[in-house]
Amino acid sequence: MLSSLHIENIAVIEKADIELGSGLNILTGETGAGKSIVIDAINAVLGERVSKDIVRSGSDQARVTALFTNISENNVKLLEELGYPVDDDGNLLIQRTISADGKGSCRINGLPSTISMLRTIGRTLVNIHGQHENQSLLSPEKHLYYLEQIGDLTPLHEEYKKAYHTMCEIRDELEQSRMDESLKARKMDMLQFQIDEIESANLRPGEEEELIAQRDLYRNAEKIAISISSARELLTGGDGGMGAIGQVSEAVSHLNNAGMYVETMAELGQKLESLLYDLEEYAEELRDYFSQLDFEPEDLEQVEERLAVIRRLTSKYGKDEQEVLEYLEQAKRELESIELSDIRAEKLQKELKLAEEKARELAKNLSEQRHKAAKMFEDNVNEQLKYLDMPNVRLMVYIEPVELGPNGIDRVEFLIAANPGEPPKPLAKIASGGELSRIMLALKSVMADADDIDTLIFDEIDTGISGFAANKVGIKLRTISGKRQVICVTHLAQIGAQAHHHFLIKKTVRNGRTYTDVTPLDYEGRVQELARIIGGTISHAALEAAKEMLSQVG
């Protein structure tokens, strides 16, 4: 529920702290005192659209903070889905700042939020009745939900939705398998061509890299041959000359001679002899490699042709040989799937028939239960409307047959006939704010256990009523507040007397500026305020009448 509301610089309210309680919270005050501003502030902190003109004149920004306590499990789940964990006590703190330039910011439990997310959360916390744009009951999309909540039909609807989802999945798969025959033939031809093209190439992962190295070798074979030949000639000596090997060999011989007399020279000779063997091995390697450079021009041509084949395939089917081979396997699977599609389609057709029969059976059962719940709902609401002194207003739950869909075979909408002989109309077309609020009150009375929104706000609910009807409205509000927190703005003493918590909204002028104060009233304060509402001026008779009203409430 909404436990506390902090308002700064909203219109004529410079600063106000309102500690709301469970049960029925009543706001009263003279016309123009600013009662609607409190509702505007609540709207703002719930993420609804507000004008920058709401910022108090002379202030840079306005701020509204709302603390909700003991929020429902559904609210906790929604907050967690949006990334806003609730504290261990189940509290939720919402803050909104509106700047005079039209900008602003939002925070949920201290974390930054967008207006959209704030609005999503806000509409699950509070219902404000009396303003057409902010009433979930005016939306036909919500009527089916309410009807099923009242009839406890949610489990049955969930069972139907699973069956409907299964039916849709089978139908979609069947549609995909029912490819046009000419399209199927073209698709199969294309896949077969791709498979043959790739398979005929006999690709091997890494082959392109090897071929590029071979091509580079062939293209530069002459330069390589000259270099290798020169290097080998320097080692071996070439045409009768003495190369490095011969010179090292002589050096070894001289050192061996010296080693007969000097031991260290013998050791050095051995090391040099080891180097001589290495040089001879290198010379052999150069000779072998040189012999490999003997190739025909068509060898280079074949390498180029093979590279062209690989590059043609990689340009069409993947960035390298591995991806092309993976595409080949995918194409084989797809071709096999199409070839087997007729068999699969026949099986799916049988499955679809069974799934559709099950879905229609569940939808029919769900529809029957909705009609039963609708009759009970109509009777209960119309009884409440009579109690609220609206005997000529009748509610009808209109259930229109529709094609099988996510919600079954019904479209549900609440209709109202405002006067005898008039056809029922959608709730959204009811013009009178006060009449609409009382209809909402009747609906909420019946749906108190079904609706999971903890705080209800009624504005303009007393428009056009007085006397006995007003007393009934007040009693009904107090009854509803036994299960939901109710906040109500009223001009009628009969309603105000029913409050568990009574707040006076009062406008004053200080130092040439207008201020609105919100004050919780004790018993004496309530007597004074109710007396003012009853008589306009606080007379002895009005005071006695106020006391009598309070004593009857208890």
Protein backbone atom coordinates (compact mmCIF):
# COMPACT_ATOMS: atom_id res chain seq x y z
CA MET A 1 0.00 0.00 0.00
CA LEU A 2 0.98 3.67 -0.32
CA SER A 3 2.33 4.45 3.15
CA SER A 4 3.79 7.92 2.73
CA LEU A 5 3.89 10.67 0.14
CA HIS A 6 6.40 13.52 0.10
CA ILE A 7 5.57 16.46 -2.21
CA GLU A 8 7.81 19.42 -3.00
CA ASN A 9 6.96 22.39 -5.24
CA ILE A 10 3.97 20.81 -6.96
CA ALA A 11 1.67 23.69 -8.02
CA VAL A 12 0.67 25.53 -4.81
CA ILE A 13 2.11 22.84 -2.51
CA GLU A 14 5.54 24.00 -1.39
CA LYS A 15 6.14 20.98 0.82
CA ALA A 16 3.88 18.32 2.27
CA ASP A 17 4.38 14.98 3.98
CA ILE A 18 1.33 12.72 4.05
CA GLU A 19 1.42 9.55 6.14
CA LEU A 20 -1.35 7.38 4.75
CA GLY A 21 -2.71 4.32 6.50
CA SER A 22 -4.51 1.13 5.67
CA GLY A 23 -8.27 1.29 5.27
CA LEU A 24 -10.10 4.36 4.02
CA ASN A 25 -8.12 7.61 3.64
CA ILE A 26 -10.29 10.66 3.01
CA LEU A 27 -9.11 14.02 1.65
CA THR A 28 -11.41 16.99 2.10
CA GLY A 29 -11.13 20.76 1.84
CA GLU A 30 -12.73 23.79 0.30
CA THR A 31 -13.13 24.00 -3.47
CA GLY A 32 -9.83 25.07 -5.02
CA ALA A 33 -7.81 24.18 -1.93
CA GLY A 34 -5.64 21.77 -3.91
CA LYS A 35 -7.14 18.33 -3.33
CA SER A 36 -6.68 17.44 -6.99
CA ILE A 37 -3.04 18.50 -6.75
CA VAL A 38 -2.37 15.63 -4.34
CA ILE A 39 -3.85 13.24 -6.92
CA ASP A 40 -1.73 14.92 -9.62
CA ALA A 41 1.36 14.34 -7.47
CA ILE A 42 0.48 10.65 -7.09
CA ASN A 43 -0.04 10.42 -10.83
CA ALA A 44 3.36 11.98 -11.39
CA VAL A 45 5.23 9.60 -9.09
CA LEU A 46 3.50 6.67 -10.81
CA GLY A 47 5.06 7.70 -14.12
CA GLU A 48 2.01 9.21 -15.77
CA ARG A 49 2.36 12.13 -18.16
CA VAL A 50 2.49 15.56 -16.47
CA SER A 51 3.07 19.08 -17.73
CA LYS A 52 6.11 21.12 -16.74
CA ASP A 53 3.56 23.70 -15.55
CA ILE A 54 3.03 21.49 -12.51
CA VAL A 55 6.28 22.89 -11.08
CA ARG A 56 5.56 25.59 -8.49
CA SER A 57 6.10 29.12 -9.80
CA GLY A 58 9.59 30.37 -8.92
CA SER A 59 11.01 26.88 -8.35
CA ASP A 60 13.57 25.11 -10.51
CA GLN A 61 12.09 21.67 -10.00
CA ALA A 62 9.37 19.65 -8.31
CA ARG A 63 9.85 16.35 -6.52
CA VAL A 64 7.48 13.60 -5.41
CA THR A 65 8.53 10.59 -3.33
CA ALA A 66 6.22 7.66 -2.56
CA LEU A 67 6.88 4.78 -0.18
CA PHE A 68 4.94 1.57 -0.75
CA THR A 69 5.01 -1.11 1.94
CA ASN A 70 3.98 -4.77 2.02
CA ILE A 71 3.78 -4.93 -1.76
CA SER A 72 2.34 -8.06 -3.36
CA GLU A 73 4.29 -11.02 -4.71
CA ASN A 74 3.25 -10.05 -8.24
CA ASN A 75 4.75 -6.59 -7.72
CA VAL A 76 7.96 -8.11 -6.33
CA LYS A 77 8.22 -10.42 -9.35
CA LEU A 78 7.68 -7.54 -11.81
CA LEU A 79 10.29 -5.39 -10.06
CA GLU A 80 12.84 -8.20 -10.15
CA GLU A 81 12.16 -8.77 -13.85
CA LEU A 82 12.86 -5.07 -14.46
CA GLY A 83 16.04 -5.23 -12.36
CA TYR A 84 14.82 -3.53 -9.18
CA PRO A 85 15.10 -5.81 -6.13
CA VAL A 86 12.87 -5.09 -3.17
CA ASP A 87 14.31 -4.81 0.34
CA ASP A 88 13.81 -7.54 2.93
CA ASP A 89 10.77 -5.78 4.38
CA GLY A 90 8.96 -5.65 1.04
CA ASN A 91 9.26 -1.88 0.70
CA LEU A 92 9.37 0.09 -2.52
CA LEU A 93 10.58 3.71 -2.75
CA ILE A 94 9.75 5.67 -5.91
CA GLN A 95 11.07 9.17 -6.62
CA ARG A 96 10.38 11.49 -9.53
CA THR A 97 11.82 14.92 -10.21
CA ILE A 98 10.28 17.30 -12.76
CA SER A 99 12.34 20.32 -13.84
CA ALA A 100 10.85 23.65 -14.86
CA ASP A 101 12.40 23.16 -18.32
CA GLY A 102 10.43 19.96 -18.81
CA LYS A 103 13.22 17.52 -18.04
CA GLY A 104 13.34 15.21 -15.05
CA SER A 105 14.52 11.97 -13.55
CA CYS A 106 13.12 8.84 -11.88
CA ARG A 107 14.49 6.44 -9.32
CA ILE A 108 13.16 3.12 -8.06
CA ASN A 109 14.66 1.95 -4.76
CA GLY A 110 17.51 4.36 -5.36
CA LEU A 111 18.32 3.09 -8.87
CA PRO A 112 17.78 5.18 -12.02
CA SER A 113 14.67 4.36 -14.04
CA THR A 114 12.89 5.43 -17.20
CA ILE A 115 9.40 6.94 -17.22
CA SER A 116 8.14 3.91 -19.14
CA MET A 117 9.39 1.46 -16.51
CA LEU A 118 8.02 3.64 -13.72
CA ARG A 119 4.62 3.72 -15.42
CA THR A 120 4.66 -0.07 -15.86
CA ILE A 121 5.28 -0.56 -12.15
CA GLY A 122 2.95 2.25 -11.07
CA ARG A 123 -0.07 0.79 -12.82
CA THR A 124 0.30 -2.42 -10.83
CA LEU A 125 0.42 -0.52 -7.54
CA VAL A 126 -2.42 1.99 -7.77
CA ASN A 127 -5.69 2.39 -9.66
CA ILE A 128 -6.93 5.97 -9.89
CA HIS A 129 -10.64 6.19 -10.70
CA GLY A 130 -12.31 9.33 -11.91
CA GLN A 131 -9.84 10.13 -14.69
CA HIS A 132 -10.72 8.37 -17.94
CA GLU A 133 -7.18 8.00 -19.19
CA ASN A 134 -5.99 6.14 -16.09
CA GLN A 135 -8.51 3.41 -15.41
CA SER A 136 -7.67 -0.16 -16.27
CA LEU A 137 -11.34 -1.14 -16.02
CA LEU A 138 -12.11 1.08 -19.03
CA SER A 139 -9.88 -1.06 -21.23
CA PRO A 140 -11.74 -3.99 -22.88
CA GLU A 141 -8.42 -5.83 -23.00
CA LYS A 142 -8.58 -6.11 -19.20
CA HIS A 143 -12.20 -7.27 -18.98
CA LEU A 144 -11.44 -10.87 -19.87
CA TYR A 145 -8.76 -10.94 -17.16
CA TYR A 146 -11.19 -9.61 -14.54
CA LEU A 147 -13.94 -12.04 -15.54
CA GLU A 148 -11.55 -14.98 -15.25
CA GLN A 149 -10.25 -13.74 -11.91
CA ILE A 150 -13.80 -13.60 -10.57
CA GLY A 151 -14.67 -17.05 -11.92
CA ASP A 152 -11.29 -18.53 -10.86
CA LEU A 153 -10.75 -19.54 -14.48
CA THR A 154 -7.04 -18.75 -14.77
CA PRO A 155 -5.90 -22.42 -14.44
CA LEU A 156 -8.35 -23.46 -17.15
CA HIS A 157 -7.17 -20.63 -19.40
CA GLU A 158 -3.54 -21.63 -18.85
CA GLU A 159 -4.35 -25.22 -19.82
CA TYR A 160 -6.05 -23.95 -22.97
CA LYS A 161 -3.11 -21.67 -23.85
CA LYS A 162 -0.70 -24.62 -23.72
CA ALA A 163 -2.94 -26.63 -26.05
CA TYR A 164 -3.35 -23.64 -28.39
CA HIS A 165 0.41 -23.05 -28.44
CA THR A 166 1.04 -26.72 -29.31
CA MET A 167 -1.54 -26.50 -32.10
CA CYS A 168 0.11 -23.37 -33.53
CA GLU A 169 3.57 -24.95 -33.47
CA ILE A 170 2.33 -27.99 -35.39
CA ARG A 171 0.45 -25.78 -37.86
CA ASP A 172 3.52 -23.62 -38.49
CA GLU A 173 5.68 -26.68 -39.09
CA LEU A 174 3.07 -28.09 -41.43
CA GLU A 175 2.96 -24.84 -43.41
CA GLN A 176 6.71 -24.92 -43.78
CA SER A 177 6.61 -28.52 -45.00
CA ARG A 178 3.86 -27.74 -47.54
CA MET A 179 6.15 -26.10 -50.03
CA ASP A 180 4.81 -25.39 -53.51
CA GLU A 181 5.75 -28.30 -55.78
CA SER A 182 7.51 -26.14 -58.37
CA LEU A 183 9.32 -24.28 -55.60
CA LYS A 184 10.22 -27.60 -53.99
CA ALA A 185 11.63 -28.89 -57.29
CA ARG A 186 13.68 -25.73 -57.82
CA LYS A 187 14.96 -25.89 -54.26
CA MET A 188 15.95 -29.54 -54.62
CA ASP A 189 17.72 -28.88 -57.95
CA MET A 190 19.65 -26.00 -56.44
CA LEU A 191 20.68 -28.01 -53.39
CA GLN A 192 21.73 -30.98 -55.53
CA PHE A 193 23.81 -28.71 -57.77
CA GLN A 194 25.54 -27.19 -54.73
CA ILE A 195 26.23 -30.62 -53.25
CA ASP A 196 27.68 -31.94 -56.53
CA GLU A 197 29.77 -28.81 -57.04
CA ILE A 198 31.35 -29.03 -53.59
CA GLU A 199 31.80 -32.80 -53.56
CA SER A 200 33.44 -32.84 -57.00
CA ALA A 201 36.10 -30.44 -55.73
CA ASN A 202 37.32 -32.90 -53.04
CA LEU A 203 38.25 -30.07 -50.74
CA ARG A 204 40.72 -30.56 -47.94
CA PRO A 205 40.99 -28.10 -45.01
CA GLY A 206 44.23 -26.08 -45.27
CA GLU A 207 44.74 -26.89 -48.95
CA GLU A 208 44.49 -23.30 -50.16
CA GLU A 209 47.26 -22.18 -47.84
CA GLU A 210 49.53 -24.98 -49.11
CA LEU A 211 48.77 -24.14 -52.75
CA ILE A 212 49.56 -20.47 -52.24
CA ALA A 213 52.96 -21.42 -50.84
CA GLN A 214 53.57 -23.75 -53.80
CA ARG A 215 52.48 -21.10 -56.29
CA ASP A 216 54.86 -18.56 -54.76
CA LEU A 217 57.63 -21.12 -55.07
CA TYR A 218 56.90 -21.77 -58.76
CA ARG A 219 56.61 -18.08 -59.59
CA ASN A 220 60.03 -17.30 -58.04
CA ALA A 221 61.79 -20.58 -58.94
CA GLU A 222 64.45 -18.92 -61.15
CA LYS A 223 65.50 -16.45 -58.46
CA ILE A 224 65.52 -19.20 -55.86
CA ALA A 225 67.59 -21.50 -58.10
CA ILE A 226 70.23 -18.83 -58.71
CA SER A 227 70.51 -18.12 -55.00
CA ILE A 228 70.71 -21.80 -54.03
CA SER A 229 73.29 -22.51 -56.76
CA SER A 230 75.45 -19.60 -55.67
CA ALA A 231 75.27 -20.64 -52.03
CA ARG A 232 76.22 -24.24 -52.87
CA GLU A 233 79.07 -23.11 -55.09
CA LEU A 234 80.48 -21.04 -52.24
CA LEU A 235 80.40 -24.13 -50.05
CA THR A 236 81.79 -26.68 -52.52
CA GLY A 237 84.03 -24.52 -54.71
CA GLY A 238 82.32 -25.01 -58.05
CA ASP A 239 84.51 -25.53 -61.18
CA GLY A 240 87.80 -26.57 -59.61
CA GLY A 241 87.90 -23.75 -57.07
CA MET A 242 88.12 -24.30 -53.36
CA GLY A 243 84.95 -23.49 -51.51
CA ALA A 244 84.28 -23.11 -47.84
CA ILE A 245 84.20 -26.89 -47.33
CA GLY A 246 87.64 -27.37 -48.88
CA GLN A 247 89.14 -24.52 -46.91
CA VAL A 248 87.67 -25.78 -43.65
CA SER A 249 88.97 -29.26 -44.52
CA GLU A 250 92.49 -27.88 -44.91
CA ALA A 251 92.16 -25.96 -41.66
CA VAL A 252 91.17 -29.17 -39.90
CA SER A 253 94.23 -30.92 -41.32
CA HIS A 254 96.56 -28.16 -40.11
CA LEU A 255 95.03 -28.14 -36.64
CA ASN A 256 95.33 -31.91 -36.39
CA ASN A 257 99.06 -31.60 -37.15
CA ALA A 258 99.40 -28.91 -34.49
CA GLY A 259 97.42 -31.07 -32.12
CA MET A 260 100.19 -33.62 -32.09
CA TYR A 261 102.11 -31.08 -30.02
CA VAL A 262 99.44 -28.87 -28.45
CA GLU A 263 96.41 -30.54 -26.92
CA THR A 264 94.16 -27.49 -27.18
CA MET A 265 94.75 -27.32 -30.94
CA ALA A 266 93.66 -30.95 -31.24
CA GLU A 267 90.39 -30.06 -29.43
CA LEU A 268 89.88 -27.07 -31.69
CA GLY A 269 90.51 -29.27 -34.72
CA GLN A 270 87.78 -31.66 -33.56
CA LYS A 271 85.29 -28.80 -33.22
CA LEU A 272 86.14 -27.51 -36.64
CA GLU A 273 85.81 -31.01 -38.08
CA SER A 274 82.26 -31.20 -36.63
CA LEU A 275 81.49 -27.93 -38.40
CA LEU A 276 82.91 -29.43 -41.61
CA TYR A 277 80.39 -32.29 -41.43
CA ASP A 278 77.56 -29.77 -40.96
CA LEU A 279 78.72 -27.77 -43.98
CA GLU A 280 78.82 -30.89 -46.11
CA GLU A 281 75.25 -31.78 -44.95
CA TYR A 282 74.02 -28.28 -45.79
CA ALA A 283 75.56 -28.55 -49.24
CA GLU A 284 73.66 -31.83 -49.81
CA GLU A 285 70.39 -30.26 -48.70
CA LEU A 286 70.93 -27.41 -51.14
CA ARG A 287 71.58 -29.92 -53.93
CA ASP A 288 68.39 -31.84 -53.09
CA TYR A 289 66.25 -28.70 -52.90
CA PHE A 290 67.77 -27.47 -56.19
CA SER A 291 66.69 -30.67 -57.88
CA GLN A 292 63.08 -30.07 -56.75
CA LEU A 293 62.99 -26.81 -58.64
CA ASP A 294 62.86 -28.73 -61.85
CA PHE A 295 59.16 -28.37 -62.89
CA GLU A 296 57.18 -27.80 -66.03
CA PRO A 297 55.22 -24.55 -66.75
CA GLU A 298 51.95 -26.49 -66.66
CA ASP A 299 52.61 -27.29 -62.99
CA LEU A 300 52.12 -23.62 -62.10
CA GLU A 301 49.06 -23.56 -64.31
CA GLN A 302 47.52 -26.49 -62.42
CA VAL A 303 48.12 -24.80 -59.07
CA GLU A 304 46.45 -21.61 -60.33
CA GLU A 305 43.46 -23.59 -61.61
CA ARG A 306 43.07 -25.42 -58.29
CA LEU A 307 43.22 -22.14 -56.37
CA ALA A 308 40.54 -20.73 -58.68
CA VAL A 309 38.27 -23.68 -57.87
CA ILE A 310 38.75 -23.23 -54.12
CA ARG A 311 38.17 -19.48 -54.30
CA ARG A 312 35.02 -19.89 -56.36
CA LEU A 313 33.59 -22.21 -53.73
CA THR A 314 34.66 -20.07 -50.76
CA SER A 315 33.10 -17.01 -52.38
CA LYS A 316 29.76 -18.83 -52.51
CA TYR A 317 29.65 -21.12 -49.49
CA GLY A 318 32.08 -19.97 -46.79
CA LYS A 319 35.25 -18.10 -45.96
CA ASP A 320 37.48 -21.21 -46.07
CA GLU A 321 37.48 -24.90 -46.95
CA GLN A 322 36.13 -25.89 -43.52
CA GLU A 323 33.08 -23.63 -43.81
CA VAL A 324 32.42 -24.86 -47.35
CA LEU A 325 32.44 -28.46 -46.10
CA GLU A 326 30.07 -27.50 -43.26
CA TYR A 327 27.73 -25.92 -45.80
CA LEU A 328 27.87 -29.17 -47.77
CA GLU A 329 26.59 -31.13 -44.75
CA GLN A 330 23.85 -28.57 -44.15
CA ALA A 331 22.75 -28.76 -47.80
CA LYS A 332 22.60 -32.56 -47.59
CA ARG A 333 20.40 -32.37 -44.48
CA GLU A 334 18.09 -29.80 -46.07
CA LEU A 335 17.75 -31.87 -49.24
CA GLU A 336 16.92 -34.94 -47.19
CA SER A 337 14.35 -32.94 -45.22
CA ILE A 338 12.60 -31.81 -48.40
CA GLU A 339 12.65 -35.32 -49.84
CA LEU A 340 10.97 -36.58 -46.64
CA SER A 341 8.61 -33.58 -46.32
CA ASP A 342 5.62 -35.38 -47.82
CA ILE A 343 5.89 -38.15 -45.26
CA ARG A 344 6.37 -35.61 -42.45
CA ALA A 345 3.46 -33.49 -43.71
CA GLU A 346 1.11 -36.44 -43.58
CA LYS A 347 2.14 -37.14 -39.99
CA LEU A 348 1.83 -33.46 -39.04
CA GLN A 349 -1.64 -33.30 -40.57
CA LYS A 350 -2.81 -36.05 -38.21
CA GLU A 351 -1.11 -34.38 -35.23
CA LEU A 352 -2.68 -31.01 -36.12
CA LYS A 353 -6.17 -32.50 -36.26
CA LEU A 354 -5.79 -33.98 -32.78
CA ALA A 355 -4.24 -30.79 -31.38
CA GLU A 356 -6.99 -28.62 -32.85
CA GLU A 357 -9.71 -30.90 -31.49
CA LYS A 358 -8.14 -30.66 -28.03
CA ALA A 359 -7.79 -26.86 -28.21
CA ARG A 360 -11.39 -26.41 -29.39
CA GLU A 361 -12.69 -28.69 -26.66
CA LEU A 362 -10.82 -26.71 -23.99
CA ALA A 363 -11.91 -23.40 -25.57
CA LYS A 364 -15.55 -24.52 -25.53
CA ASN A 365 -15.30 -25.53 -21.88
CA LEU A 366 -13.59 -22.25 -21.03
CA SER A 367 -16.30 -20.31 -22.85
CA GLU A 368 -19.04 -22.11 -20.93
CA GLN A 369 -17.38 -21.28 -17.63
CA ARG A 370 -16.97 -17.65 -18.71
CA HIS A 371 -20.68 -17.39 -19.45
CA LYS A 372 -21.47 -18.79 -15.99
CA ALA A 373 -19.05 -16.36 -14.36
CA ALA A 374 -20.48 -13.50 -16.43
CA LYS A 375 -24.03 -14.16 -15.21
CA MET A 376 -22.87 -14.24 -11.60
CA PHE A 377 -20.78 -11.09 -12.12
CA GLU A 378 -23.67 -9.20 -13.74
CA ASP A 379 -26.06 -10.07 -10.91
CA ASN A 380 -23.57 -9.07 -8.21
CA VAL A 381 -22.58 -5.78 -9.84
CA ASN A 382 -26.16 -4.78 -10.57
CA GLU A 383 -27.02 -5.50 -6.95
CA GLN A 384 -24.20 -3.18 -5.91
CA LEU A 385 -25.42 -0.49 -8.33
CA LYS A 386 -28.87 -0.63 -6.74
CA TYR A 387 -27.26 -0.26 -3.32
CA LEU A 388 -25.36 2.79 -4.58
CA ASP A 389 -28.63 4.43 -5.60
CA MET A 390 -28.21 3.67 -9.30
CA PRO A 391 -31.15 1.27 -9.80
CA ASN A 392 -31.58 2.11 -13.48
CA VAL A 393 -27.96 1.44 -14.40
CA ARG A 394 -27.34 -2.08 -15.60
CA LEU A 395 -24.08 -3.86 -16.34
CA MET A 396 -23.90 -6.50 -19.03
CA VAL A 397 -20.93 -8.75 -19.77
CA TYR A 398 -20.89 -8.97 -23.55
CA ILE A 399 -19.26 -12.17 -24.80
CA GLU A 400 -18.82 -12.18 -28.56
CA PRO A 401 -17.92 -15.42 -30.39
CA VAL A 402 -14.66 -15.11 -32.33
CA GLU A 403 -12.33 -17.40 -34.23
CA LEU A 404 -10.10 -19.64 -32.15
CA GLY A 405 -7.25 -17.53 -30.82
CA PRO A 406 -4.89 -17.09 -27.86
CA ASN A 407 -7.83 -16.30 -25.55
CA GLY A 408 -10.13 -19.00 -26.85
CA ILE A 409 -13.33 -18.33 -28.79
CA ASP A 410 -14.58 -15.30 -26.84
CA ARG A 411 -14.11 -11.54 -26.83
CA VAL A 412 -15.25 -10.06 -23.54
CA GLU A 413 -16.30 -6.48 -22.83
CA PHE A 414 -18.22 -4.87 -19.98
CA LEU A 415 -21.15 -2.78 -21.23
CA ILE A 416 -23.36 -0.35 -19.29
CA ALA A 417 -26.96 0.71 -19.92
CA ALA A 418 -27.23 4.03 -18.07
CA ASN A 419 -31.02 4.40 -18.42
CA PRO A 420 -34.01 2.09 -19.03
CA GLY A 421 -34.62 1.46 -22.69
CA GLU A 422 -31.12 2.51 -23.74
CA PRO A 423 -28.80 0.00 -25.39
CA PRO A 424 -25.72 -0.96 -23.38
CA LYS A 425 -22.53 0.93 -24.26
CA PRO A 426 -18.84 0.40 -23.52
CA LEU A 427 -17.65 1.73 -20.17
CA ALA A 428 -15.33 4.19 -21.89
CA LYS A 429 -18.33 6.00 -23.39
CA ILE A 430 -19.92 6.79 -20.02
CA ALA A 431 -19.62 10.59 -19.85
CA SER A 432 -20.23 11.44 -16.20
CA GLY A 433 -17.13 11.25 -14.02
CA GLY A 434 -19.12 10.74 -10.83
CA GLU A 435 -21.40 8.16 -12.41
CA LEU A 436 -18.41 6.34 -13.80
CA SER A 437 -16.69 6.39 -10.40
CA ARG A 438 -19.71 4.81 -8.72
CA ILE A 439 -19.85 2.14 -11.42
CA MET A 440 -16.19 1.50 -10.77
CA LEU A 441 -16.96 1.33 -7.06
CA ALA A 442 -19.64 -1.30 -7.71
CA LEU A 443 -17.26 -3.29 -9.90
CA LYS A 444 -14.48 -3.03 -7.33
CA SER A 445 -16.84 -4.18 -4.60
CA VAL A 446 -17.51 -7.40 -6.50
CA MET A 447 -13.92 -7.81 -7.60
CA ALA A 448 -12.24 -6.99 -4.31
CA ASP A 449 -10.82 -10.47 -3.96
CA ALA A 450 -9.93 -10.89 -7.63
CA ASP A 451 -8.05 -7.63 -8.23
CA ASP A 452 -4.43 -7.72 -7.04
CA ILE A 453 -3.91 -3.92 -6.98
CA ASP A 454 -3.53 -2.86 -3.36
CA THR A 455 -4.37 0.86 -3.53
CA LEU A 456 -7.51 2.36 -5.05
CA ILE A 457 -7.99 6.11 -5.45
CA PHE A 458 -11.45 7.54 -6.13
CA ASP A 459 -11.71 11.11 -7.38
CA GLU A 460 -15.01 12.82 -8.27
CA ILE A 461 -16.91 9.87 -6.84
CA ASP A 462 -19.45 12.14 -5.14
CA THR A 463 -20.35 14.14 -8.26
CA GLY A 464 -24.11 14.37 -8.64
CA ILE A 465 -25.03 12.48 -5.45
CA SER A 466 -26.11 13.51 -2.00
CA GLY A 467 -28.09 12.37 1.00
CA PHE A 468 -28.94 8.70 1.20
CA ALA A 469 -26.90 7.74 -1.89
CA ALA A 470 -23.83 9.52 -0.51
CA ASN A 471 -24.12 7.61 2.73
CA LYS A 472 -24.22 4.33 0.82
CA VAL A 473 -21.18 5.29 -1.24
CA GLY A 474 -19.30 6.08 1.96
CA ILE A 475 -20.23 2.75 3.54
CA LYS A 476 -19.25 0.89 0.37
CA LEU A 477 -15.85 2.64 0.27
CA ARG A 478 -15.22 1.69 3.87
CA THR A 479 -16.24 -1.92 3.14
CA ILE A 480 -13.82 -2.16 0.21
CA SER A 481 -11.07 -0.66 2.34
CA GLY A 482 -11.22 -3.73 4.55
CA LYS A 483 -9.28 -5.57 1.82
CA ARG A 484 -7.63 -2.71 -0.11
CA GLN A 485 -6.24 0.65 0.82
CA VAL A 486 -8.65 3.29 -0.45
CA ILE A 487 -7.88 6.99 -0.93
CA CYS A 488 -10.85 9.21 -1.72
CA VAL A 489 -11.26 12.92 -2.47
CA THR A 490 -14.72 14.06 -1.49
CA HIS A 491 -16.92 17.11 -0.78
CA LEU A 492 -19.54 15.14 1.16
CA ALA A 493 -19.68 14.71 4.91
CA GLN A 494 -21.43 11.34 4.58
CA ILE A 495 -18.37 9.94 2.83
CA GLY A 496 -15.83 11.81 4.95
CA ALA A 497 -17.35 10.41 8.13
CA GLN A 498 -16.47 6.87 7.04
CA ALA A 499 -12.72 7.55 7.03
CA HIS A 500 -10.16 5.61 9.00
CA HIS A 501 -7.72 8.47 8.28
CA HIS A 502 -8.92 11.98 7.48
CA PHE A 503 -6.75 14.72 5.89
CA LEU A 504 -7.62 18.37 5.50
CA ILE A 505 -6.37 20.15 2.37
CA LYS A 506 -6.23 23.88 3.13
CA LYS A 507 -5.06 26.85 1.10
CA THR A 508 -3.49 29.88 2.80
CA VAL A 509 -1.76 33.07 1.67
CA ARG A 510 1.52 33.97 3.36
CA ASN A 511 3.70 36.91 2.37
CA GLY A 512 1.79 37.36 -0.85
CA ARG A 513 2.16 33.73 -1.95
CA THR A 514 -0.37 30.91 -1.98
CA TYR A 515 0.37 27.70 -0.09
CA THR A 516 -1.54 24.43 0.29
CA ASP A 517 -1.09 22.43 3.47
CA VAL A 518 -2.11 18.83 4.14
CA THR A 519 -2.98 18.12 7.75
CA PRO A 520 -4.07 14.82 9.37
CA LEU A 521 -7.12 15.38 11.56
CA ASP A 522 -7.80 14.02 15.03
CA TYR A 523 -11.32 13.52 16.31
CA GLU A 524 -11.91 17.19 17.12
CA GLY A 525 -10.45 18.23 13.81
CA ARG A 526 -12.74 15.82 12.00
CA VAL A 527 -15.78 17.16 13.82
CA GLN A 528 -14.84 20.72 12.79
CA GLU A 529 -14.20 19.74 9.16
CA LEU A 530 -17.38 17.66 8.81
CA ALA A 531 -19.38 20.49 10.36
CA ARG A 532 -17.92 22.92 7.80
CA ILE A 533 -18.87 20.55 4.96
CA ILE A 534 -22.40 20.11 6.33
CA GLY A 535 -23.26 23.73 6.91
CA GLY A 536 -20.72 25.87 5.13
CA THR A 537 -20.21 27.62 8.47
CA ILE A 538 -19.43 25.80 11.69
CA SER A 539 -22.66 26.10 13.69
CA HIS A 540 -23.69 24.27 16.83
CA ALA A 541 -26.20 22.22 14.81
CA ALA A 542 -23.54 21.29 12.25
CA LEU A 543 -21.14 20.23 15.01
CA GLU A 544 -23.79 18.02 16.56
CA ALA A 545 -24.60 16.51 13.17
CA ALA A 546 -20.91 15.79 12.58
CA LYS A 547 -20.59 14.08 15.95
CA GLU A 548 -23.68 12.02 15.21
CA MET A 549 -22.20 10.88 11.88
CA LEU A 550 -18.96 9.80 13.51
CA SER A 551 -20.75 7.98 16.30
CA GLN A 552 -22.74 5.97 13.77
CA VAL A 553 -19.55 4.87 12.03
CA GLY A 554 -17.93 3.81 15.29
